[in-house]
């Protein structure tokens, strides 16, 4: 497996990150792996490598490049802890909906132009708050993004004018959403409303709750990591990409 440190020129600066691909594999379909709030770290590097091993060139950008280079969080995370909440706020603040769409466009164009990437459409997967970022990337690049997956994505439906569900009319990709159980960032009521919006959209999608799997269950360094459910999520992801990125 080749791990290449890369830099992506965006309209707002230079995003660092990594590109993963099998050694000597030639041109492969491209996929973008968007990290959770913890940013690029060993757990997500292994997740990106695992996806690349299935036959993809995988781009993992530092979505927080405006704020910091990895390690993004250098304190012990404690939900509700003032220092943790302050850091989360610092990371999220520059990532407005417009900024995220600009970034997504830059990431897709960088990956599509890379010498190891085929002419097939691109897939995007997001975790935690980047589930919404994956949707914004698909909305910004509907002609190039054919598949989007979100796992324990937060805030996918709200009453705000910037709610991700309002992007659906702009999206042409096939969508998959794996929701966590008892997720404060995506309540049962929000999931129901989101599912109604998906049904009204009329595109191809799947949305399901992973029973007994809590927010963050797919990430190996998370306290709630659930290996069987994480493997099921990975199978859903690779199945989605296998059927669309060709």
Protein backbone atom coordinates (compact mmCIF):
# COMPACT_ATOMS: atom_id res chain seq x y z
CA UNK A 1 0.00 0.00 0.00
CA UNK A 2 1.34 3.43 -0.98
CA UNK A 3 0.71 6.30 1.44
CA UNK A 4 1.55 9.64 -0.14
CA UNK A 5 1.49 12.97 1.68
CA UNK A 6 -0.21 15.52 -0.57
CA UNK A 7 -1.20 19.17 -0.70
CA UNK A 8 -4.36 20.49 -2.34
CA UNK A 9 -4.70 24.09 -3.43
CA UNK A 10 -8.15 25.36 -2.47
CA UNK A 11 -9.67 28.80 -2.88
CA UNK A 12 -8.94 29.41 0.82
CA UNK A 13 -5.41 28.02 1.15
CA UNK A 14 -3.49 24.76 1.02
CA UNK A 15 -5.04 21.61 2.45
CA UNK A 16 -2.66 18.87 3.52
CA UNK A 17 -3.61 15.21 3.59
CA UNK A 18 -2.82 11.72 2.36
CA UNK A 19 -3.48 9.63 -0.74
CA UNK A 20 -3.68 5.83 -0.55
CA UNK A 21 -3.47 3.31 -3.36
CA UNK A 22 -2.26 -0.21 -3.98
CA UNK A 23 1.29 -0.45 -5.29
CA UNK A 24 1.34 -1.03 -9.05
CA UNK A 25 -2.44 -1.07 -9.37
CA UNK A 26 -2.68 1.43 -12.23
CA UNK A 27 -5.70 3.71 -12.54
CA UNK A 28 -8.44 3.03 -9.99
CA UNK A 29 -11.77 4.68 -9.12
CA UNK A 30 -11.36 7.57 -6.70
CA UNK A 31 -12.87 7.86 -3.22
CA UNK A 32 -12.69 10.62 -0.62
CA UNK A 33 -12.51 9.70 3.07
CA UNK A 34 -13.57 12.56 5.35
CA UNK A 35 -12.57 12.21 9.00
CA UNK A 36 -14.63 12.90 12.08
CA UNK A 37 -13.99 15.89 14.36
CA UNK A 38 -10.76 14.29 15.61
CA UNK A 39 -9.13 14.76 12.22
CA UNK A 40 -6.37 12.73 10.60
CA UNK A 41 -4.87 10.24 13.05
CA UNK A 42 -3.83 6.56 13.06
CA UNK A 43 -7.38 5.19 13.30
CA UNK A 44 -8.61 7.06 10.22
CA UNK A 45 -5.41 6.36 8.31
CA UNK A 46 -6.07 2.65 8.80
CA UNK A 47 -9.70 3.10 7.73
CA UNK A 48 -8.61 4.86 4.54
CA UNK A 49 -6.04 2.15 3.82
CA UNK A 50 -8.69 -0.53 4.32
CA UNK A 51 -10.89 1.16 1.73
CA UNK A 52 -7.98 1.56 -0.70
CA UNK A 53 -7.25 -2.15 -0.34
CA UNK A 54 -10.65 -2.81 -1.93
CA UNK A 55 -9.48 -1.26 -5.19
CA UNK A 56 -9.72 2.51 -4.83
CA UNK A 57 -7.40 5.49 -4.80
CA UNK A 58 -8.42 7.14 -1.54
CA UNK A 59 -7.92 10.79 -0.68
CA UNK A 60 -8.04 11.77 3.00
CA UNK A 61 -7.78 15.57 3.25
CA UNK A 62 -7.21 17.52 6.41
CA UNK A 63 -10.63 19.16 6.47
CA UNK A 64 -9.39 21.46 9.25
CA UNK A 65 -6.47 22.88 7.26
CA UNK A 66 -7.59 26.45 7.97
CA UNK A 67 -7.06 25.86 11.69
CA UNK A 68 -4.29 23.30 12.20
CA UNK A 69 -2.23 20.44 10.87
CA UNK A 70 -2.53 17.00 12.52
CA UNK A 71 -2.73 16.24 15.35
CA UNK A 72 -5.88 18.33 15.31
CA UNK A 73 -6.82 17.69 18.94
CA UNK A 74 -3.91 17.52 21.36
CA UNK A 75 -5.97 17.32 24.56
CA UNK A 76 -7.86 14.45 26.11
CA UNK A 77 -11.37 14.60 24.69
CA UNK A 78 -14.24 14.73 27.14
CA UNK A 79 -17.73 15.48 25.85
CA UNK A 80 -19.01 18.48 27.77
CA UNK A 81 -15.51 19.38 28.95
CA UNK A 82 -14.99 23.13 28.37
CA UNK A 83 -11.61 22.73 26.67
CA UNK A 84 -12.98 20.04 24.36
CA UNK A 85 -16.01 22.11 23.43
CA UNK A 86 -13.82 25.15 22.83
CA UNK A 87 -11.57 23.17 20.50
CA UNK A 88 -14.53 21.72 18.61
CA UNK A 89 -15.84 25.26 18.14
CA UNK A 90 -12.48 26.46 16.83
CA UNK A 91 -12.41 23.64 14.30
CA UNK A 92 -15.99 24.08 13.11
CA UNK A 93 -16.09 27.90 12.91
CA UNK A 94 -14.33 28.36 9.53
CA UNK A 95 -16.26 25.49 7.94
CA UNK A 96 -19.31 27.38 6.76
CA UNK A 97 -21.58 25.69 4.21
CA UNK A 98 -20.07 27.76 1.38
CA UNK A 99 -16.52 27.01 2.53
CA UNK A 100 -17.28 23.30 2.73
CA UNK A 101 -18.65 23.27 -0.82
CA UNK A 102 -15.55 25.08 -2.08
CA UNK A 103 -13.36 22.54 -0.30
CA UNK A 104 -15.35 19.60 -1.63
CA UNK A 105 -14.98 20.93 -5.16
CA UNK A 106 -11.22 21.24 -4.71
CA UNK A 107 -10.91 17.73 -3.27
CA UNK A 108 -12.92 16.16 -6.11
CA UNK A 109 -10.97 18.03 -8.81
CA UNK A 110 -7.63 17.11 -7.22
CA UNK A 111 -8.54 13.45 -7.00
CA UNK A 112 -10.05 13.24 -10.48
CA UNK A 113 -6.91 14.74 -12.01
CA UNK A 114 -4.48 12.42 -10.21
CA UNK A 115 -2.55 10.00 -12.40
CA UNK A 116 -3.65 6.99 -10.33
CA UNK A 117 -7.39 7.72 -10.71
CA UNK A 118 -9.58 6.36 -13.50
CA UNK A 119 -12.30 8.22 -15.37
CA UNK A 120 -14.99 6.58 -13.20
CA UNK A 121 -17.15 8.82 -11.00
CA UNK A 122 -16.02 9.48 -7.44
CA UNK A 123 -17.40 8.33 -4.09
CA UNK A 124 -17.35 10.25 -0.81
CA UNK A 125 -17.72 8.94 2.74
CA UNK A 126 -18.08 11.09 5.84
CA UNK A 127 -18.08 10.30 9.54
CA UNK A 128 -19.75 12.30 12.31
CA UNK A 129 -20.09 15.93 11.21
CA UNK A 130 -18.51 15.22 7.80
CA UNK A 131 -21.55 13.18 6.80
CA UNK A 132 -23.05 16.57 5.97
CA UNK A 133 -19.80 17.57 4.25
CA UNK A 134 -20.08 14.50 2.01
CA UNK A 135 -23.56 15.65 1.00
CA UNK A 136 -22.32 19.18 0.31
CA UNK A 137 -19.52 17.78 -1.87
CA UNK A 138 -22.04 15.79 -3.91
CA UNK A 139 -24.26 18.86 -4.27
CA UNK A 140 -21.31 20.97 -5.43
CA UNK A 141 -20.08 18.36 -7.94
CA UNK A 142 -23.16 16.44 -9.14
CA UNK A 143 -21.53 15.47 -12.42
CA UNK A 144 -18.54 13.80 -10.76
CA UNK A 145 -19.78 12.36 -7.43
CA UNK A 146 -21.86 9.20 -7.90
CA UNK A 147 -21.96 7.80 -4.36
CA UNK A 148 -22.13 9.25 -0.85
CA UNK A 149 -22.07 7.41 2.46
CA UNK A 150 -22.49 8.88 5.93
CA UNK A 151 -21.94 7.03 9.20
CA UNK A 152 -23.22 8.46 12.49
CA UNK A 153 -23.63 11.74 10.64
CA UNK A 154 -24.86 14.61 12.78
CA UNK A 155 -27.21 17.45 11.94
CA UNK A 156 -28.38 16.05 8.61
CA UNK A 157 -31.86 17.46 9.22
CA UNK A 158 -32.77 20.65 11.02
CA UNK A 159 -35.03 23.68 10.70
CA UNK A 160 -32.08 25.89 9.78
CA UNK A 161 -31.91 27.35 6.24
CA UNK A 162 -28.52 25.65 5.81
CA UNK A 163 -29.76 22.16 6.76
CA UNK A 164 -28.06 19.47 4.62
CA UNK A 165 -31.38 17.87 3.66
CA UNK A 166 -32.17 20.98 1.61
CA UNK A 167 -29.28 20.04 -0.70
CA UNK A 168 -31.07 16.93 -1.97
CA UNK A 169 -32.49 18.51 -5.16
CA UNK A 170 -28.91 19.31 -6.23
CA UNK A 171 -27.60 15.80 -5.59
CA UNK A 172 -27.50 13.11 -8.28
CA UNK A 173 -25.45 10.55 -6.33
CA UNK A 174 -26.72 7.36 -4.77
CA UNK A 175 -26.86 7.85 -0.99
CA UNK A 176 -26.39 5.68 2.08
CA UNK A 177 -26.92 6.77 5.69
CA UNK A 178 -26.00 4.63 8.68
CA UNK A 179 -27.37 6.28 11.82
CA UNK A 180 -26.30 5.68 15.41
CA UNK A 181 -28.62 4.64 18.21
CA UNK A 182 -29.64 7.38 20.68
CA UNK A 183 -27.58 10.00 18.87
CA UNK A 184 -28.05 13.51 20.27
CA UNK A 185 -26.70 14.95 17.02
CA UNK A 186 -29.31 13.07 14.95
CA UNK A 187 -32.37 12.23 17.05
CA UNK A 188 -35.03 9.66 16.22
CA UNK A 189 -37.34 12.52 15.23
CA UNK A 190 -34.67 14.06 12.98
CA UNK A 191 -34.02 10.70 11.32
CA UNK A 192 -37.74 10.30 10.60
CA UNK A 193 -37.94 13.77 9.04
CA UNK A 194 -34.74 13.14 7.09
CA UNK A 195 -36.14 9.86 5.75
CA UNK A 196 -39.28 11.70 4.62
CA UNK A 197 -37.12 14.24 2.79
CA UNK A 198 -35.17 11.42 1.13
CA UNK A 199 -38.39 9.74 0.00
CA UNK A 200 -39.67 13.01 -1.47
CA UNK A 201 -36.33 13.55 -3.21
CA UNK A 202 -36.89 10.48 -5.37
CA UNK A 203 -33.27 9.42 -5.84
CA UNK A 204 -31.65 6.12 -4.88
CA UNK A 205 -30.87 5.89 -1.19
CA UNK A 206 -30.80 3.74 1.92
CA UNK A 207 -31.14 4.99 5.48
CA UNK A 208 -30.98 2.77 8.54
CA UNK A 209 -30.25 2.81 12.25
CA UNK A 210 -27.54 0.50 13.57
CA UNK A 211 -29.20 -0.86 16.66
CA UNK A 212 -26.91 -0.95 19.69
CA UNK A 213 -24.25 1.10 17.87
CA UNK A 214 -23.60 4.52 19.34
CA UNK A 215 -22.18 7.70 17.84
CA UNK A 216 -18.65 6.96 16.65
CA UNK A 217 -19.05 3.17 16.49
CA UNK A 218 -17.13 2.80 13.19
CA UNK A 219 -13.85 4.33 14.40
CA UNK A 220 -11.37 1.97 16.11
CA UNK A 221 -10.12 4.51 18.66
CA UNK A 222 -13.62 5.54 19.78
CA UNK A 223 -14.77 4.42 23.25
CA UNK A 224 -17.96 3.06 21.63
CA UNK A 225 -16.20 1.20 18.80
CA UNK A 226 -18.37 -1.76 17.83
CA UNK A 227 -16.35 -4.17 15.63
CA UNK A 228 -19.26 -6.26 14.24
CA UNK A 229 -21.31 -3.19 13.40
CA UNK A 230 -18.23 -1.41 12.06
CA UNK A 231 -17.61 -4.34 9.73
CA UNK A 232 -21.23 -4.22 8.59
CA UNK A 233 -20.86 -0.50 7.90
CA UNK A 234 -17.70 -1.17 5.88
CA UNK A 235 -19.51 -3.82 3.85
CA UNK A 236 -22.29 -1.32 3.13
CA UNK A 237 -19.73 1.28 2.07
CA UNK A 238 -17.80 -1.01 -0.23
CA UNK A 239 -21.00 -2.45 -1.68
CA UNK A 240 -22.23 1.06 -2.49
CA UNK A 241 -18.96 2.04 -4.13
CA UNK A 242 -18.63 -1.24 -6.05
CA UNK A 243 -22.05 -0.75 -7.63
CA UNK A 244 -21.62 2.91 -8.56
CA UNK A 245 -17.94 3.76 -9.16
CA UNK A 246 -17.43 2.06 -12.50
